[in-house]
Amino acid sequence: TMNNSFVECEMNEQFGVKIGQFKEPILWEETTSTLWRDFPEKSIATRLAPSRDIGVQIQGKFFKKTLGYELGYFNGSGKNANDGNDDKDFAGRLTVSPWVNDKGHALNKLQMFGFGSQGTRDSTTPSNFSTTDTGLTFLTYNGSVREYGNFDRQGGGAVWAKGPLSLKGEFIGQRVSLERNVSA
C-alpha cells in the first residue's frame, strides 16, 4: 500500500499548497519522520490523532519563520481508503518559534504549537485503543458500538532540540459521540 503520494507547490515562504495523501497536521510526533523518534514505539497519543489521509493543505511561515501555519481539508477516511462518508475533516496547526532567527539563543530551536481538527462520522466502528507497535490493548468496544455525529480533537505542545539534547511534550484531547445498537 502507498503511504505518501502528494504534489507540493511553494509559491513563496508565506504560501504553499499540498495535494494528495500525506499526514494531517495534528501531533508533532505523528508528522515527524521516524528518523527523529527517540523511542522505538510511538506514544499512545498517536492513537487519537489521524495519520495519513487524502486531502489538500495550505501552509506557510510569516515573520521570518517565527509563525507557521498548516490548514487542511481531508476526506476523513484514512490512508488508502475509499471516501466512505459525505462529510469531510478540517485540520490545522499553528507553530510559534520566537527565537528561531537568533542562532546564539539557547531557545532558538524551541517550537510551540497548537492544533485541532473537526469532522463528522457516519456510524463507523470505533477502533480499539491499543499501543502502536506492541498492540497492548487498553480499551475494546463492543461490536454494537458505533461512532456517529460530530467529533473534534485539540491539543498542543512544545519541542526543543539542541544537539543531542531534546525535550518534547504534547497533549491531545478528543470528543466523539458513541451510540449502541440494541436489538429488540
N, C-alpha and C. Protein backbone atom coordinates (compact mmCIF):
# COMPACT_ATOMS: atom_id res chain seq x y z
N THR A 1 0.83 -1.19 0.00
CA THR A 1 0.00 0.00 0.00
C THR A 1 0.87 1.24 0.00
N MET A 2 0.32 2.30 -0.50
CA MET A 2 1.05 3.56 -0.62
C MET A 2 0.91 4.36 0.67
N ASN A 3 2.02 4.94 1.14
CA ASN A 3 1.98 5.80 2.33
C ASN A 3 1.77 7.25 1.96
N ASN A 4 2.72 7.83 1.26
CA ASN A 4 2.66 9.23 0.88
C ASN A 4 2.69 9.35 -0.63
N SER A 5 1.79 10.15 -1.16
CA SER A 5 1.79 10.45 -2.58
C SER A 5 1.13 11.81 -2.72
N PHE A 6 1.96 12.83 -2.92
CA PHE A 6 1.40 14.17 -2.99
C PHE A 6 2.24 15.06 -3.89
N VAL A 7 1.63 16.15 -4.30
CA VAL A 7 2.29 17.21 -5.06
C VAL A 7 2.29 18.42 -4.15
N GLU A 8 3.44 19.07 -4.06
CA GLU A 8 3.56 20.24 -3.20
C GLU A 8 4.14 21.39 -4.01
N CYS A 9 3.52 22.55 -3.89
CA CYS A 9 3.97 23.72 -4.62
C CYS A 9 4.09 24.88 -3.63
N GLU A 10 5.31 25.41 -3.48
CA GLU A 10 5.53 26.53 -2.59
C GLU A 10 5.64 27.80 -3.43
N MET A 11 4.61 28.64 -3.36
CA MET A 11 4.60 29.89 -4.12
C MET A 11 5.65 30.86 -3.57
N ASN A 12 5.69 30.95 -2.25
CA ASN A 12 6.67 31.75 -1.51
C ASN A 12 6.69 31.23 -0.08
N GLU A 13 7.46 31.85 0.77
CA GLU A 13 7.57 31.37 2.15
C GLU A 13 6.23 31.43 2.89
N GLN A 14 5.37 32.37 2.53
CA GLN A 14 4.11 32.55 3.23
C GLN A 14 2.98 31.65 2.74
N PHE A 15 3.12 31.08 1.53
CA PHE A 15 2.01 30.31 0.99
C PHE A 15 2.49 29.16 0.12
N GLY A 16 2.01 27.97 0.47
CA GLY A 16 2.26 26.78 -0.32
C GLY A 16 1.02 25.90 -0.30
N VAL A 17 0.93 24.99 -1.24
CA VAL A 17 -0.21 24.08 -1.35
C VAL A 17 0.31 22.66 -1.48
N LYS A 18 -0.34 21.75 -0.79
CA LYS A 18 -0.01 20.32 -0.88
C LYS A 18 -1.31 19.57 -1.18
N ILE A 19 -1.28 18.68 -2.18
CA ILE A 19 -2.46 17.92 -2.58
C ILE A 19 -2.05 16.45 -2.73
N GLY A 20 -2.86 15.55 -2.16
CA GLY A 20 -2.59 14.12 -2.27
C GLY A 20 -2.83 13.40 -0.97
N GLN A 21 -2.06 12.34 -0.73
CA GLN A 21 -2.15 11.60 0.53
C GLN A 21 -0.90 11.87 1.35
N PHE A 22 -1.10 12.41 2.54
CA PHE A 22 0.01 12.77 3.43
C PHE A 22 -0.51 12.85 4.86
N LYS A 23 0.37 13.12 5.80
CA LYS A 23 0.00 13.17 7.21
C LYS A 23 -0.73 14.47 7.55
N GLU A 24 -1.85 14.34 8.27
CA GLU A 24 -2.59 15.52 8.69
C GLU A 24 -1.79 16.31 9.72
N PRO A 25 -1.94 17.64 9.74
CA PRO A 25 -1.13 18.48 10.64
C PRO A 25 -1.67 18.50 12.07
N ILE A 26 -1.54 17.39 12.76
CA ILE A 26 -2.02 17.33 14.14
C ILE A 26 -0.81 17.13 15.06
N LEU A 27 -0.58 15.96 15.57
CA LEU A 27 0.52 15.70 16.51
C LEU A 27 1.89 15.89 15.87
N TRP A 28 2.79 16.53 16.58
CA TRP A 28 4.17 16.69 16.12
C TRP A 28 4.81 15.32 15.95
N GLU A 29 4.59 14.42 16.92
CA GLU A 29 5.20 13.09 16.85
C GLU A 29 4.75 12.33 15.61
N GLU A 30 3.49 12.47 15.25
CA GLU A 30 2.96 11.74 14.09
C GLU A 30 3.49 12.31 12.78
N THR A 31 3.69 13.61 12.71
CA THR A 31 4.12 14.23 11.44
C THR A 31 5.63 14.28 11.29
N THR A 32 6.37 13.88 12.31
CA THR A 32 7.82 13.87 12.25
C THR A 32 8.32 12.52 11.75
N SER A 33 9.34 12.53 10.96
CA SER A 33 9.92 11.31 10.41
C SER A 33 10.37 10.35 11.51
N THR A 34 10.29 9.06 11.23
CA THR A 34 10.76 8.06 12.20
C THR A 34 12.27 8.18 12.44
N LEU A 35 12.98 8.86 11.57
CA LEU A 35 14.41 9.08 11.79
C LEU A 35 14.68 9.91 13.04
N TRP A 36 13.70 10.71 13.45
CA TRP A 36 13.90 11.61 14.57
C TRP A 36 13.15 11.17 15.82
N ARG A 37 12.59 9.95 15.83
CA ARG A 37 11.91 9.44 17.03
C ARG A 37 12.94 9.04 18.07
N ASP A 38 12.64 9.34 19.32
CA ASP A 38 13.55 8.99 20.42
C ASP A 38 13.37 7.56 20.89
N PHE A 39 12.19 6.99 20.68
CA PHE A 39 11.88 5.66 21.18
C PHE A 39 11.40 4.79 20.01
N PRO A 40 11.55 3.48 20.12
CA PRO A 40 11.14 2.61 19.02
C PRO A 40 9.63 2.59 18.81
N GLU A 41 8.84 2.89 19.84
CA GLU A 41 7.39 2.87 19.71
C GLU A 41 6.84 4.29 19.88
N LYS A 42 5.87 4.63 19.06
CA LYS A 42 5.20 5.92 19.19
C LYS A 42 4.38 5.95 20.47
N SER A 43 4.09 7.14 20.97
CA SER A 43 3.28 7.27 22.18
C SER A 43 1.84 6.86 21.89
N ILE A 44 1.12 6.55 22.93
CA ILE A 44 -0.28 6.14 22.77
C ILE A 44 -1.14 7.30 22.29
N ALA A 45 -0.67 8.53 22.43
CA ALA A 45 -1.42 9.70 21.96
C ALA A 45 -1.65 9.64 20.45
N THR A 46 -0.77 8.97 19.71
CA THR A 46 -0.94 8.89 18.26
C THR A 46 -2.18 8.09 17.87
N ARG A 47 -2.75 7.30 18.80
CA ARG A 47 -3.99 6.56 18.52
C ARG A 47 -5.20 7.50 18.45
N LEU A 48 -5.07 8.69 19.03
CA LEU A 48 -6.16 9.65 18.99
C LEU A 48 -6.07 10.58 17.79
N ALA A 49 -4.94 10.60 17.14
CA ALA A 49 -4.72 11.53 16.02
C ALA A 49 -4.79 10.79 14.69
N PRO A 50 -5.27 11.47 13.67
CA PRO A 50 -5.24 10.86 12.35
C PRO A 50 -3.80 10.81 11.85
N SER A 51 -3.53 9.92 10.96
CA SER A 51 -2.21 9.85 10.35
C SER A 51 -2.34 10.36 8.92
N ARG A 52 -2.20 9.47 7.97
CA ARG A 52 -2.29 9.86 6.57
C ARG A 52 -3.74 9.88 6.10
N ASP A 53 -4.03 10.82 5.24
CA ASP A 53 -5.36 10.93 4.65
C ASP A 53 -5.23 11.66 3.32
N ILE A 54 -6.24 11.56 2.52
CA ILE A 54 -6.25 12.23 1.23
C ILE A 54 -6.87 13.62 1.41
N GLY A 55 -6.18 14.64 0.91
CA GLY A 55 -6.72 15.98 1.08
C GLY A 55 -5.88 17.05 0.42
N VAL A 56 -6.19 18.27 0.78
CA VAL A 56 -5.48 19.44 0.29
C VAL A 56 -5.13 20.31 1.51
N GLN A 57 -3.96 20.91 1.48
CA GLN A 57 -3.50 21.70 2.62
C GLN A 57 -2.79 22.95 2.12
N ILE A 58 -3.03 24.07 2.80
CA ILE A 58 -2.24 25.27 2.56
C ILE A 58 -1.32 25.45 3.76
N GLN A 59 -0.15 26.02 3.52
CA GLN A 59 0.84 26.14 4.60
C GLN A 59 1.79 27.29 4.30
N GLY A 60 2.43 27.76 5.35
CA GLY A 60 3.39 28.83 5.16
C GLY A 60 3.97 29.31 6.48
N LYS A 61 4.89 30.26 6.36
CA LYS A 61 5.54 30.85 7.53
C LYS A 61 5.62 32.36 7.35
N PHE A 62 5.45 33.06 8.46
CA PHE A 62 5.49 34.52 8.47
C PHE A 62 6.51 35.02 9.47
N PHE A 63 6.78 36.32 9.40
CA PHE A 63 7.65 37.00 10.37
C PHE A 63 9.00 36.29 10.53
N LYS A 64 9.68 36.11 9.41
CA LYS A 64 10.99 35.46 9.37
C LYS A 64 10.96 34.08 10.02
N LYS A 65 9.94 33.31 9.68
CA LYS A 65 9.75 31.92 10.11
C LYS A 65 9.42 31.75 11.59
N THR A 66 9.00 32.82 12.27
CA THR A 66 8.64 32.68 13.68
C THR A 66 7.20 32.19 13.87
N LEU A 67 6.35 32.31 12.85
CA LEU A 67 4.97 31.87 12.92
C LEU A 67 4.67 31.03 11.69
N GLY A 68 4.25 29.78 11.92
CA GLY A 68 3.91 28.89 10.82
C GLY A 68 2.49 28.38 10.93
N TYR A 69 1.88 28.07 9.79
CA TYR A 69 0.53 27.54 9.78
C TYR A 69 0.40 26.41 8.78
N GLU A 70 -0.52 25.51 9.05
CA GLU A 70 -0.92 24.43 8.15
C GLU A 70 -2.42 24.25 8.33
N LEU A 71 -3.18 24.39 7.25
CA LEU A 71 -4.63 24.23 7.28
C LEU A 71 -5.03 23.25 6.18
N GLY A 72 -5.77 22.20 6.56
CA GLY A 72 -6.11 21.18 5.59
C GLY A 72 -7.57 20.77 5.58
N TYR A 73 -7.98 20.23 4.45
CA TYR A 73 -9.33 19.72 4.22
C TYR A 73 -9.14 18.29 3.72
N PHE A 74 -9.64 17.29 4.48
CA PHE A 74 -9.35 15.88 4.21
C PHE A 74 -10.63 15.07 4.05
N ASN A 75 -10.51 13.91 3.39
CA ASN A 75 -11.71 13.11 3.15
C ASN A 75 -12.20 12.40 4.40
N GLY A 76 -11.37 12.23 5.43
CA GLY A 76 -11.82 11.65 6.69
C GLY A 76 -11.90 10.15 6.72
N SER A 77 -11.41 9.49 5.69
CA SER A 77 -11.50 8.03 5.64
C SER A 77 -10.18 7.34 5.93
N GLY A 78 -9.08 8.08 6.00
CA GLY A 78 -7.79 7.49 6.33
C GLY A 78 -6.99 7.06 5.12
N LYS A 79 -5.86 6.41 5.43
CA LYS A 79 -4.89 6.02 4.41
C LYS A 79 -5.44 4.99 3.43
N ASN A 80 -5.24 5.26 2.13
CA ASN A 80 -5.62 4.34 1.05
C ASN A 80 -7.06 3.86 1.15
N ALA A 81 -7.95 4.70 1.69
CA ALA A 81 -9.34 4.29 1.88
C ALA A 81 -10.25 5.05 0.94
N ASN A 82 -11.26 4.33 0.45
CA ASN A 82 -12.28 4.99 -0.34
C ASN A 82 -13.01 5.99 0.54
N ASP A 83 -13.50 7.02 -0.05
CA ASP A 83 -14.21 8.05 0.69
C ASP A 83 -15.60 7.53 1.04
N GLY A 84 -15.74 6.94 2.22
CA GLY A 84 -16.99 6.30 2.61
C GLY A 84 -17.94 7.21 3.37
N ASN A 85 -17.60 8.48 3.54
CA ASN A 85 -18.51 9.38 4.25
C ASN A 85 -18.75 10.64 3.42
N ASP A 86 -19.86 11.29 3.68
CA ASP A 86 -20.21 12.50 2.95
C ASP A 86 -19.52 13.73 3.52
N ASP A 87 -19.19 13.68 4.79
CA ASP A 87 -18.60 14.83 5.45
C ASP A 87 -17.09 14.75 5.44
N LYS A 88 -16.46 15.88 5.43
CA LYS A 88 -15.00 15.95 5.38
C LYS A 88 -14.45 16.44 6.71
N ASP A 89 -13.15 16.31 6.88
CA ASP A 89 -12.47 16.74 8.10
C ASP A 89 -11.65 17.98 7.81
N PHE A 90 -11.65 18.89 8.77
CA PHE A 90 -10.78 20.07 8.72
C PHE A 90 -9.73 19.88 9.80
N ALA A 91 -8.48 20.23 9.50
CA ALA A 91 -7.40 20.11 10.49
C ALA A 91 -6.44 21.28 10.32
N GLY A 92 -5.85 21.69 11.42
CA GLY A 92 -4.90 22.79 11.35
C GLY A 92 -3.93 22.80 12.50
N ARG A 93 -2.79 23.41 12.26
CA ARG A 93 -1.77 23.56 13.31
C ARG A 93 -1.12 24.93 13.15
N LEU A 94 -0.89 25.58 14.27
CA LEU A 94 -0.20 26.87 14.32
C LEU A 94 1.06 26.67 15.15
N THR A 95 2.21 27.05 14.62
CA THR A 95 3.50 26.85 15.29
C THR A 95 4.18 28.20 15.50
N VAL A 96 4.70 28.39 16.72
CA VAL A 96 5.42 29.61 17.06
C VAL A 96 6.85 29.22 17.45
N SER A 97 7.82 29.88 16.83
CA SER A 97 9.25 29.68 17.12
C SER A 97 9.88 31.05 17.35
N PRO A 98 9.71 31.63 18.56
CA PRO A 98 10.07 33.03 18.79
C PRO A 98 11.55 33.36 18.59
N TRP A 99 12.45 32.42 18.84
CA TRP A 99 13.88 32.71 18.77
C TRP A 99 14.58 32.00 17.62
N VAL A 100 13.84 31.55 16.62
CA VAL A 100 14.41 30.78 15.52
C VAL A 100 15.50 31.55 14.76
N ASN A 101 15.42 32.85 14.73
CA ASN A 101 16.38 33.65 13.96
C ASN A 101 17.59 34.09 14.78
N ASP A 102 17.58 33.82 16.07
CA ASP A 102 18.70 34.19 16.95
C ASP A 102 19.54 32.94 17.20
N LYS A 103 20.48 32.66 16.31
CA LYS A 103 21.26 31.41 16.36
C LYS A 103 22.02 31.22 17.68
N GLY A 104 22.37 32.30 18.36
CA GLY A 104 23.10 32.19 19.62
C GLY A 104 22.22 31.98 20.83
N HIS A 105 20.91 32.13 20.69
CA HIS A 105 19.99 32.00 21.82
C HIS A 105 19.80 30.53 22.18
N ALA A 106 19.76 30.24 23.47
CA ALA A 106 19.59 28.85 23.94
C ALA A 106 18.26 28.25 23.51
N LEU A 107 17.26 29.08 23.24
CA LEU A 107 15.94 28.58 22.87
C LEU A 107 15.64 28.73 21.37
N ASN A 108 16.69 28.91 20.56
CA ASN A 108 16.42 29.12 19.13
C ASN A 108 15.82 27.90 18.44
N LYS A 109 15.90 26.72 19.04
CA LYS A 109 15.30 25.52 18.46
C LYS A 109 13.96 25.17 19.11
N LEU A 110 13.41 26.08 19.91
CA LEU A 110 12.12 25.84 20.56
C LEU A 110 10.97 26.09 19.59
N GLN A 111 10.04 25.14 19.54
CA GLN A 111 8.80 25.27 18.77
C GLN A 111 7.63 25.01 19.71
N MET A 112 6.66 25.90 19.73
CA MET A 112 5.44 25.69 20.49
C MET A 112 4.29 25.66 19.49
N PHE A 113 3.32 24.80 19.71
CA PHE A 113 2.27 24.63 18.70
C PHE A 113 0.94 24.27 19.34
N GLY A 114 -0.10 24.61 18.63
CA GLY A 114 -1.46 24.21 18.97
C GLY A 114 -2.10 23.64 17.72
N PHE A 115 -3.00 22.70 17.87
CA PHE A 115 -3.63 22.06 16.72
C PHE A 115 -5.07 21.70 17.03
N GLY A 116 -5.81 21.42 15.99
CA GLY A 116 -7.19 20.99 16.14
C GLY A 116 -7.72 20.41 14.86
N SER A 117 -8.77 19.61 14.99
CA SER A 117 -9.46 19.08 13.81
C SER A 117 -10.92 18.89 14.16
N GLN A 118 -11.75 18.89 13.14
CA GLN A 118 -13.18 18.73 13.33
C GLN A 118 -13.73 17.96 12.14
N GLY A 119 -14.68 17.09 12.41
CA GLY A 119 -15.30 16.31 11.35
C GLY A 119 -16.57 15.66 11.82
N THR A 120 -17.12 14.79 10.99
CA THR A 120 -18.36 14.08 11.29
C THR A 120 -18.18 12.62 10.92
N ARG A 121 -18.75 11.73 11.70
CA ARG A 121 -18.71 10.30 11.41
C ARG A 121 -20.11 9.81 11.10
N ASP A 122 -20.21 8.95 10.09
CA ASP A 122 -21.48 8.36 9.67
C ASP A 122 -21.58 6.93 10.17
N SER A 123 -21.75 6.74 11.46
CA SER A 123 -21.95 5.43 12.07
C SER A 123 -20.84 4.44 11.68
N THR A 124 -19.62 4.76 12.07
CA THR A 124 -18.48 3.88 11.81
C THR A 124 -18.09 3.13 13.08
N THR A 125 -17.45 2.00 12.92
CA THR A 125 -17.00 1.21 14.05
C THR A 125 -15.73 1.83 14.63
N PRO A 126 -15.72 2.14 15.93
CA PRO A 126 -14.50 2.72 16.51
C PRO A 126 -13.39 1.69 16.63
N SER A 127 -12.17 2.16 16.56
CA SER A 127 -11.01 1.28 16.71
C SER A 127 -10.74 1.01 18.18
N ASN A 128 -10.22 -0.17 18.47
CA ASN A 128 -9.78 -0.46 19.82
C ASN A 128 -8.63 0.47 20.17
N PHE A 129 -8.49 0.77 21.44
CA PHE A 129 -7.44 1.67 21.89
C PHE A 129 -6.28 0.83 22.41
N SER A 130 -5.19 0.80 21.61
CA SER A 130 -4.05 -0.03 21.97
C SER A 130 -2.76 0.71 21.66
N THR A 131 -1.65 0.18 22.18
CA THR A 131 -0.35 0.78 21.89
C THR A 131 -0.05 0.60 20.41
N THR A 132 0.86 1.39 19.90
CA THR A 132 1.09 1.42 18.46
C THR A 132 1.82 0.20 17.92
N ASP A 133 2.91 -0.18 18.52
CA ASP A 133 3.72 -1.26 17.94
C ASP A 133 3.51 -2.61 18.62
N THR A 134 3.39 -2.63 19.95
CA THR A 134 3.25 -3.91 20.64
C THR A 134 1.81 -4.40 20.65
N GLY A 135 0.85 -3.51 20.44
CA GLY A 135 -0.54 -3.92 20.36
C GLY A 135 -1.21 -4.19 21.69
N LEU A 136 -0.63 -3.76 22.81
CA LEU A 136 -1.25 -3.92 24.11
C LEU A 136 -2.54 -3.12 24.14
N THR A 137 -3.69 -3.80 24.35
CA THR A 137 -5.00 -3.15 24.26
C THR A 137 -5.43 -2.62 25.61
N PHE A 138 -5.87 -1.34 25.63
CA PHE A 138 -6.36 -0.70 26.84
C PHE A 138 -7.88 -0.61 26.86
N LEU A 139 -8.50 -0.52 25.69
CA LEU A 139 -9.94 -0.35 25.60
C LEU A 139 -10.45 -1.06 24.36
N THR A 140 -11.49 -1.88 24.52
CA THR A 140 -12.10 -2.58 23.41
C THR A 140 -13.58 -2.22 23.37
N TYR A 141 -14.09 -1.92 22.18
CA TYR A 141 -15.50 -1.59 22.03
C TYR A 141 -16.30 -2.83 21.68
N ASN A 142 -17.50 -2.93 22.22
CA ASN A 142 -18.44 -3.97 21.87
C ASN A 142 -18.81 -3.80 20.40
N GLY A 143 -19.09 -4.88 19.69
CA GLY A 143 -19.41 -4.83 18.27
C GLY A 143 -20.64 -4.00 17.93
N SER A 144 -21.50 -3.73 18.92
CA SER A 144 -22.70 -2.95 18.65
C SER A 144 -22.48 -1.44 18.82
N VAL A 145 -21.28 -1.02 19.21
CA VAL A 145 -20.99 0.40 19.42
C VAL A 145 -20.53 1.03 18.11
N ARG A 146 -21.04 2.21 17.81
CA ARG A 146 -20.68 2.95 16.60
C ARG A 146 -20.39 4.40 16.95
N GLU A 147 -19.45 5.00 16.19
CA GLU A 147 -19.22 6.44 16.26
C GLU A 147 -20.22 7.11 15.34
N TYR A 148 -20.75 8.25 15.75
CA TYR A 148 -21.67 8.98 14.88
C TYR A 148 -21.60 10.45 15.23
N GLY A 149 -22.01 11.28 14.29
CA GLY A 149 -22.10 12.72 14.54
C GLY A 149 -20.75 13.40 14.58
N ASN A 150 -20.70 14.55 15.22
CA ASN A 150 -19.50 15.38 15.26
C ASN A 150 -18.42 14.80 16.17
N PHE A 151 -17.21 15.04 15.80
CA PHE A 151 -16.08 14.74 16.68
C PHE A 151 -15.07 15.87 16.51
N ASP A 152 -14.27 16.07 17.53
CA ASP A 152 -13.20 17.06 17.40
C ASP A 152 -12.01 16.64 18.26
N ARG A 153 -10.87 17.16 17.85
CA ARG A 153 -9.61 16.94 18.56
C ARG A 153 -8.96 18.30 18.75
N GLN A 154 -8.26 18.46 19.86
CA GLN A 154 -7.48 19.66 20.08
C GLN A 154 -6.34 19.33 21.00
N GLY A 155 -5.29 20.12 20.89
CA GLY A 155 -4.14 19.89 21.74
C GLY A 155 -3.03 20.86 21.41
N GLY A 156 -1.88 20.56 21.95
CA GLY A 156 -0.73 21.41 21.72
C GLY A 156 0.51 20.79 22.33
N GLY A 157 1.59 21.54 22.27
CA GLY A 157 2.82 21.03 22.84
C GLY A 157 3.99 21.94 22.54
N ALA A 158 5.15 21.44 22.89
CA ALA A 158 6.39 22.16 22.65
C ALA A 158 7.50 21.16 22.41
N VAL A 159 8.45 21.57 21.57
CA VAL A 159 9.61 20.74 21.25
C VAL A 159 10.84 21.64 21.29
N TRP A 160 11.88 21.19 21.99
CA TRP A 160 13.16 21.88 21.99
C TRP A 160 14.23 20.84 21.77
N ALA A 161 15.06 21.05 20.77
CA ALA A 161 16.13 20.10 20.46
C ALA A 161 17.39 20.90 20.15
N LYS A 162 18.44 20.62 20.87
CA LYS A 162 19.71 21.32 20.68
C LYS A 162 20.81 20.27 20.76
N GLY A 163 21.39 19.95 19.61
CA GLY A 163 22.42 18.90 19.58
C GLY A 163 21.82 17.58 20.01
N PRO A 164 22.48 16.86 20.93
CA PRO A 164 21.97 15.56 21.35
C PRO A 164 20.87 15.65 22.41
N LEU A 165 20.55 16.85 22.89
CA LEU A 165 19.54 17.01 23.92
C LEU A 165 18.21 17.43 23.32
N SER A 166 17.11 16.93 23.90
CA SER A 166 15.80 17.38 23.45
C SER A 166 14.79 17.20 24.57
N LEU A 167 13.82 18.08 24.57
CA LEU A 167 12.66 17.99 25.45
C LEU A 167 11.44 18.09 24.56
N LYS A 168 10.52 17.16 24.71
CA LYS A 168 9.33 17.12 23.85
C LYS A 168 8.13 16.78 24.70
N GLY A 169 7.07 17.48 24.48
CA GLY A 169 5.83 17.17 25.18
C GLY A 169 4.64 17.67 24.38
N GLU A 170 3.60 16.88 24.33
CA GLU A 170 2.38 17.31 23.67
C GLU A 170 1.20 16.59 24.28
N PHE A 171 0.04 17.16 24.11
CA PHE A 171 -1.19 16.56 24.62
C PHE A 171 -2.26 16.65 23.55
N ILE A 172 -3.22 15.75 23.65
CA ILE A 172 -4.34 15.75 22.70
C ILE A 172 -5.59 15.32 23.44
N GLY A 173 -6.68 15.96 23.12
CA GLY A 173 -7.99 15.59 23.64
C GLY A 173 -8.90 15.30 22.47
N GLN A 174 -9.82 14.39 22.66
CA GLN A 174 -10.73 14.02 21.58
C GLN A 174 -12.14 13.87 22.15
N ARG A 175 -13.11 14.38 21.44
CA ARG A 175 -14.51 14.22 21.83
C ARG A 175 -15.22 13.52 20.68
N VAL A 176 -15.83 12.38 20.99
CA VAL A 176 -16.51 11.57 19.99
C VAL A 176 -17.86 11.14 20.56
N SER A 177 -18.88 11.13 19.73
CA SER A 177 -20.19 10.63 20.14
C SER A 177 -20.25 9.15 19.78
N LEU A 178 -20.75 8.34 20.73
CA LEU A 178 -20.89 6.90 20.51
C LEU A 178 -22.36 6.52 20.67
N GLU A 179 -22.79 5.56 19.89
CA GLU A 179 -24.15 5.02 20.04
C GLU A 179 -24.05 3.50 20.07
N ARG A 180 -25.00 2.87 20.75
CA ARG A 180 -25.01 1.42 20.82
C ARG A 180 -26.32 0.93 20.22
N ASN A 181 -26.20 0.04 19.24
CA ASN A 181 -27.39 -0.55 18.62
C ASN A 181 -27.84 -1.75 19.44
N VAL A 182 -29.08 -1.71 19.90
CA VAL A 182 -29.62 -2.79 20.72
C VAL A 182 -30.77 -3.43 19.95
N SER A 183 -30.70 -4.74 19.76
CA SER A 183 -31.76 -5.47 19.05
C SER A 183 -32.92 -5.72 19.99
N ALA A 184 -34.12 -5.72 19.46
CA ALA A 184 -35.31 -5.97 20.28
C ALA A 184 -35.41 -7.45 20.61
